[in-house]
């Protein structure tokens, strides 16, 4: 009897990479990792061919256009990757009776909240990236009722471009740095998110749980600012760069950023038994592996 196949897009991104690192921990599954070359989401025919040939049992969509500022002008590409292609994948998943897990973002909210956002909190993205990700959520759920959308926040890992690696590089290069202190959220180690996703699939596949589809939130525990995050990186790596806190107003970017980005992850714990790790513990684990 052949193993169930898990197809994963975005193999070169942070999350796709971290899922590939966990492959050996889930030997009951066969994995197919795809990038642009293996699965061209701009070409609907290749998507059809992919599903016919590989017949995935589960599909994890980690592919995303994540250049938040660039998305303000490169609107078509961001829309194609974050929205249109997600709808296309969802359609094929439904046709092949394949549950879909697709990843979204805290940027679907406007940042005006004061307490962690529950899953049904009103969405109101304030930049184009957030808008395309929200549209991707809607298309996924519309085209495949067996879809789990996981919104996450402030993702980093040992792989790819992210805040943690950028801070280490800049703190080694510069004597002083100003970091925004009035945007708060929960940093999330992509390794933890990868494990959460594969645990959900394992529990569904083994019939340990009855799947409940829809929207979930997942991030590491704790609420901090980017400035506090940078300070912790500096302390743990024993770097000597002087850090000062600045305001969003003093650091204008092409895309607006939400001031408050904290997600309420209680549903994923209640339904799938997934608990998250404290942000400091997750950060130290990543820094030890860098």
Protein backbone atom coordinates (compact mmCIF):
# COMPACT_ATOMS: atom_id res chain seq x y z
CA UNK A 1 0.00 0.00 0.00
CA UNK A 2 1.48 3.33 -1.03
CA UNK A 3 2.02 6.13 1.46
CA UNK A 4 -0.18 9.24 1.39
CA UNK A 5 1.57 12.02 -0.55
CA UNK A 6 1.98 15.54 0.81
CA UNK A 7 2.68 18.17 -1.86
CA UNK A 8 4.43 21.33 -0.65
CA UNK A 9 4.83 24.54 -2.68
CA UNK A 10 7.39 27.24 -1.93
CA UNK A 11 10.24 24.80 -1.22
CA UNK A 12 12.82 27.61 -1.32
CA UNK A 13 11.02 29.82 1.21
CA UNK A 14 11.42 29.74 4.99
CA UNK A 15 8.41 27.53 5.73
CA UNK A 16 8.85 25.14 2.80
CA UNK A 17 12.47 24.65 3.82
CA UNK A 18 11.55 23.95 7.46
CA UNK A 19 8.93 21.39 6.39
CA UNK A 20 11.61 19.62 4.31
CA UNK A 21 13.84 19.47 7.41
CA UNK A 22 11.07 17.60 9.28
CA UNK A 23 10.43 15.04 6.52
CA UNK A 24 12.26 12.23 8.36
CA UNK A 25 10.06 12.73 11.45
CA UNK A 26 6.97 11.81 9.40
CA UNK A 27 8.01 8.59 7.60
CA UNK A 28 4.37 7.54 7.08
CA UNK A 29 4.10 10.17 4.32
CA UNK A 30 5.73 10.69 0.97
CA UNK A 31 6.68 14.33 0.26
CA UNK A 32 6.91 16.27 -2.99
CA UNK A 33 8.56 19.69 -2.64
CA UNK A 34 7.96 22.12 -5.48
CA UNK A 35 9.30 25.47 -6.58
CA UNK A 36 8.54 27.44 -9.71
CA UNK A 37 10.33 24.90 -11.95
CA UNK A 38 8.29 21.90 -10.76
CA UNK A 39 4.93 23.66 -10.51
CA UNK A 40 4.40 26.83 -12.52
CA UNK A 41 1.35 28.41 -10.93
CA UNK A 42 1.17 30.97 -13.77
CA UNK A 43 0.40 28.12 -16.15
CA UNK A 44 -2.93 26.38 -15.29
CA UNK A 45 -2.13 23.39 -17.54
CA UNK A 46 0.99 22.50 -15.56
CA UNK A 47 -1.05 22.58 -12.34
CA UNK A 48 -3.54 20.13 -13.84
CA UNK A 49 -0.66 17.88 -14.99
CA UNK A 50 0.91 18.01 -11.52
CA UNK A 51 -2.27 16.80 -9.82
CA UNK A 52 -2.89 14.07 -12.42
CA UNK A 53 0.67 12.73 -12.11
CA UNK A 54 1.21 13.01 -8.36
CA UNK A 55 -2.31 12.61 -6.93
CA UNK A 56 -1.48 14.33 -3.62
CA UNK A 57 -3.41 13.27 -0.51
CA UNK A 58 -2.67 16.61 1.19
CA UNK A 59 -1.46 19.93 -0.18
CA UNK A 60 0.48 22.56 1.79
CA UNK A 61 0.72 25.91 0.03
CA UNK A 62 3.75 27.81 1.36
CA UNK A 63 4.35 29.76 -1.87
CA UNK A 64 3.90 33.49 -1.29
CA UNK A 65 4.91 36.91 -2.50
CA UNK A 66 6.25 38.35 0.76
CA UNK A 67 8.04 41.55 -0.34
CA UNK A 68 5.57 43.79 1.51
CA UNK A 69 6.87 47.15 0.24
CA UNK A 70 7.44 45.94 -3.31
CA UNK A 71 3.86 44.64 -3.43
CA UNK A 72 2.63 48.26 -3.37
CA UNK A 73 3.89 48.71 -6.95
CA UNK A 74 4.29 45.13 -8.22
CA UNK A 75 0.57 44.64 -7.73
CA UNK A 76 -0.04 42.12 -10.51
CA UNK A 77 2.63 39.67 -9.39
CA UNK A 78 1.60 39.85 -5.73
CA UNK A 79 -2.03 39.24 -6.76
CA UNK A 80 -1.08 36.31 -9.03
CA UNK A 81 1.01 34.54 -6.36
CA UNK A 82 -0.96 35.36 -3.19
CA UNK A 83 -4.51 35.17 -4.54
CA UNK A 84 -5.14 33.83 -8.07
CA UNK A 85 -2.81 30.83 -7.77
CA UNK A 86 -4.23 29.92 -4.35
CA UNK A 87 -7.71 29.77 -5.87
CA UNK A 88 -6.35 27.60 -8.69
CA UNK A 89 -4.69 25.17 -6.26
CA UNK A 90 -7.88 25.01 -4.17
CA UNK A 91 -9.97 24.11 -7.26
CA UNK A 92 -7.66 21.24 -8.13
CA UNK A 93 -7.55 20.09 -4.50
CA UNK A 94 -11.35 19.89 -4.46
CA UNK A 95 -11.43 17.94 -7.75
CA UNK A 96 -8.93 15.44 -6.31
CA UNK A 97 -10.56 15.28 -2.86
CA UNK A 98 -7.36 16.66 -1.32
CA UNK A 99 -7.40 18.81 1.84
CA UNK A 100 -5.49 22.09 1.46
CA UNK A 101 -3.50 23.96 4.09
CA UNK A 102 -2.55 27.46 2.98
CA UNK A 103 -0.67 30.09 4.94
CA UNK A 104 -1.87 33.64 5.54
CA UNK A 105 -0.81 36.57 7.67
CA UNK A 106 -1.57 38.97 10.52
CA UNK A 107 -1.49 41.69 7.82
CA UNK A 108 -5.14 40.92 6.97
CA UNK A 109 -5.92 43.10 10.04
CA UNK A 110 -5.52 46.88 10.25
CA UNK A 111 -3.48 46.90 13.47
CA UNK A 112 -6.03 48.92 15.44
CA UNK A 113 -6.81 46.05 17.84
CA UNK A 114 -5.94 46.09 21.54
CA UNK A 115 -6.34 42.39 22.41
CA UNK A 116 -5.25 39.28 20.42
CA UNK A 117 -7.34 38.91 17.26
CA UNK A 118 -9.81 36.00 17.30
CA UNK A 119 -10.30 34.20 13.96
CA UNK A 120 -13.59 36.01 13.26
CA UNK A 121 -12.28 39.52 13.93
CA UNK A 122 -13.08 41.93 11.11
CA UNK A 123 -10.36 41.95 8.45
CA UNK A 124 -9.24 45.30 7.06
CA UNK A 125 -5.79 45.17 5.41
CA UNK A 126 -3.92 48.48 5.19
CA UNK A 127 -1.42 47.46 2.50
CA UNK A 128 -1.56 45.64 -0.82
CA UNK A 129 0.29 42.57 0.47
CA UNK A 130 -2.35 42.09 3.19
CA UNK A 131 -5.13 42.60 0.66
CA UNK A 132 -3.75 39.93 -1.71
CA UNK A 133 -3.31 37.46 1.17
CA UNK A 134 -6.90 38.06 2.32
CA UNK A 135 -8.16 37.46 -1.20
CA UNK A 136 -6.12 34.24 -1.28
CA UNK A 137 -7.85 33.07 1.92
CA UNK A 138 -11.28 33.81 0.44
CA UNK A 139 -10.53 32.04 -2.86
CA UNK A 140 -9.12 28.98 -1.08
CA UNK A 141 -12.18 28.58 1.16
CA UNK A 142 -14.56 29.32 -1.71
CA UNK A 143 -13.05 26.76 -4.10
CA UNK A 144 -12.30 23.98 -1.60
CA UNK A 145 -14.41 23.52 1.55
CA UNK A 146 -11.69 21.17 2.87
CA UNK A 147 -9.26 24.05 3.40
CA UNK A 148 -7.38 25.11 6.52
CA UNK A 149 -6.09 28.68 6.42
CA UNK A 150 -3.38 29.36 9.00
CA UNK A 151 -2.64 33.00 9.70
CA UNK A 152 0.74 33.58 11.30
CA UNK A 153 2.98 36.54 12.17
CA UNK A 154 6.57 37.82 12.07
CA UNK A 155 8.02 34.59 10.64
CA UNK A 156 11.76 33.95 10.80
CA UNK A 157 14.09 30.95 10.49
CA UNK A 158 17.69 29.92 9.86
CA UNK A 159 16.86 29.94 6.13
CA UNK A 160 16.06 32.77 3.72
CA UNK A 161 15.64 36.49 4.38
CA UNK A 162 14.11 37.57 7.67
CA UNK A 163 14.36 40.05 10.55
CA UNK A 164 16.61 37.87 12.72
CA UNK A 165 19.26 37.34 10.07
CA UNK A 166 19.08 40.96 8.89
CA UNK A 167 19.57 42.23 12.47
CA UNK A 168 22.62 40.02 13.05
CA UNK A 169 24.17 41.24 9.81
CA UNK A 170 23.44 44.93 10.48
CA UNK A 171 24.58 44.76 14.13
CA UNK A 172 27.88 43.31 12.95
CA UNK A 173 28.27 46.06 10.34
CA UNK A 174 27.05 49.21 12.12
CA UNK A 175 27.85 50.85 15.46
CA UNK A 176 24.26 52.07 15.98
CA UNK A 177 20.80 51.05 14.75
CA UNK A 178 17.32 52.53 15.15
CA UNK A 179 14.52 49.96 15.39
CA UNK A 180 10.77 50.59 15.36
CA UNK A 181 9.36 50.30 18.88
CA UNK A 182 5.66 51.08 18.36
CA UNK A 183 4.67 48.01 16.32
CA UNK A 184 3.98 44.94 18.44
CA UNK A 185 3.38 41.31 17.54
CA UNK A 186 4.48 37.73 18.15
CA UNK A 187 7.60 36.50 16.35
CA UNK A 188 7.16 32.95 15.00
CA UNK A 189 9.93 30.46 14.29
CA UNK A 190 9.04 28.83 10.93
CA UNK A 191 10.26 25.49 12.34
CA UNK A 192 7.44 25.53 14.93
CA UNK A 193 4.85 26.44 12.30
CA UNK A 194 6.12 23.62 10.05
CA UNK A 195 5.76 21.12 12.89
CA UNK A 196 2.25 22.40 13.69
CA UNK A 197 1.13 21.91 10.05
CA UNK A 198 2.53 18.38 9.79
CA UNK A 199 1.03 17.46 13.17
CA UNK A 200 -2.41 18.57 11.95
CA UNK A 201 -2.06 16.41 8.82
CA UNK A 202 -0.84 13.45 10.89
CA UNK A 203 -3.84 13.75 13.24
CA UNK A 204 -6.30 14.00 10.33
CA UNK A 205 -4.69 11.11 8.45
CA UNK A 206 -4.60 8.79 11.48
CA UNK A 207 -8.23 9.78 12.27
CA UNK A 208 -7.11 10.91 15.71
CA UNK A 209 -9.26 13.99 15.15
CA UNK A 210 -12.24 14.78 12.96
CA UNK A 211 -11.00 17.57 10.69
CA UNK A 212 -12.50 21.00 11.19
CA UNK A 213 -11.70 23.21 8.23
CA UNK A 214 -11.63 27.01 8.10
CA UNK A 215 -9.42 29.72 9.56
CA UNK A 216 -6.87 29.25 12.36
CA UNK A 217 -4.25 31.46 13.97
CA UNK A 218 -0.79 30.25 14.97
CA UNK A 219 2.17 32.18 16.36
CA UNK A 220 4.72 31.71 19.10
CA UNK A 221 3.69 32.94 22.57
CA UNK A 222 4.39 36.46 23.78
CA UNK A 223 3.89 40.07 22.69
CA UNK A 224 6.88 42.29 21.90
CA UNK A 225 7.95 45.17 19.67
CA UNK A 226 10.50 44.94 16.87
CA UNK A 227 12.86 46.93 19.14
CA UNK A 228 12.50 44.38 21.97
CA UNK A 229 13.04 41.58 19.46
CA UNK A 230 16.26 43.22 18.23
CA UNK A 231 17.46 43.75 21.82
CA UNK A 232 17.02 40.06 22.59
CA UNK A 233 18.96 39.06 19.45
CA UNK A 234 21.76 41.45 20.39
CA UNK A 235 21.96 40.15 23.98
CA UNK A 236 21.95 36.47 23.04
CA UNK A 237 24.57 36.91 20.29
CA UNK A 238 26.64 39.25 22.54
CA UNK A 239 26.82 41.95 19.86
CA UNK A 240 28.02 45.48 20.60
CA UNK A 241 25.87 47.63 18.31
CA UNK A 242 23.96 50.41 20.14
CA UNK A 243 20.18 50.10 19.62
CA UNK A 244 17.68 52.92 19.91
CA UNK A 245 13.92 52.77 19.65
CA UNK A 246 12.18 54.86 16.99
CA UNK A 247 8.57 55.37 15.87
CA UNK A 248 6.80 54.22 12.72
CA UNK A 249 6.33 57.91 11.84
CA UNK A 250 10.13 58.34 11.81
CA UNK A 251 10.59 55.30 9.60
CA UNK A 252 8.26 55.69 6.62
CA UNK A 253 7.92 52.69 4.26
CA UNK A 254 6.01 52.34 0.96
CA UNK A 255 3.56 49.93 2.64
CA UNK A 256 1.84 50.82 5.91
CA UNK A 257 2.44 48.36 8.76
CA UNK A 258 -0.15 47.34 11.37
CA UNK A 259 0.70 48.69 14.84
CA UNK A 260 -0.82 45.71 16.65
CA UNK A 261 -0.38 42.22 15.17
CA UNK A 262 -1.15 39.75 17.95
CA UNK A 263 -3.16 36.64 17.04
CA UNK A 264 -5.39 34.56 19.34
CA UNK A 265 -4.24 30.95 18.73
CA UNK A 266 -6.83 29.29 21.00
CA UNK A 267 -8.79 27.53 18.21
CA UNK A 268 -5.82 25.54 16.87
CA UNK A 269 -5.14 24.31 20.40
CA UNK A 270 -8.79 23.41 21.06
CA UNK A 271 -9.30 21.53 17.77
CA UNK A 272 -5.89 20.03 16.98
CA UNK A 273 -4.11 20.15 20.34
CA UNK A 274 -1.39 22.42 18.92
CA UNK A 275 0.26 24.59 21.57
CA UNK A 276 2.91 27.16 20.75
CA UNK A 277 6.31 27.82 22.29
CA UNK A 278 7.46 30.95 24.11
CA UNK A 279 9.02 33.39 21.64
CA UNK A 280 12.35 33.63 23.54
CA UNK A 281 12.83 29.87 23.61
CA UNK A 282 12.03 29.72 19.87
CA UNK A 283 14.43 32.56 19.11
CA UNK A 284 17.30 31.00 21.09
CA UNK A 285 16.76 27.71 19.26
CA UNK A 286 17.05 29.50 15.91
CA UNK A 287 20.10 31.54 16.98
CA UNK A 288 21.86 28.35 18.19
CA UNK A 289 21.38 26.86 14.72
CA UNK A 290 22.53 29.90 12.75
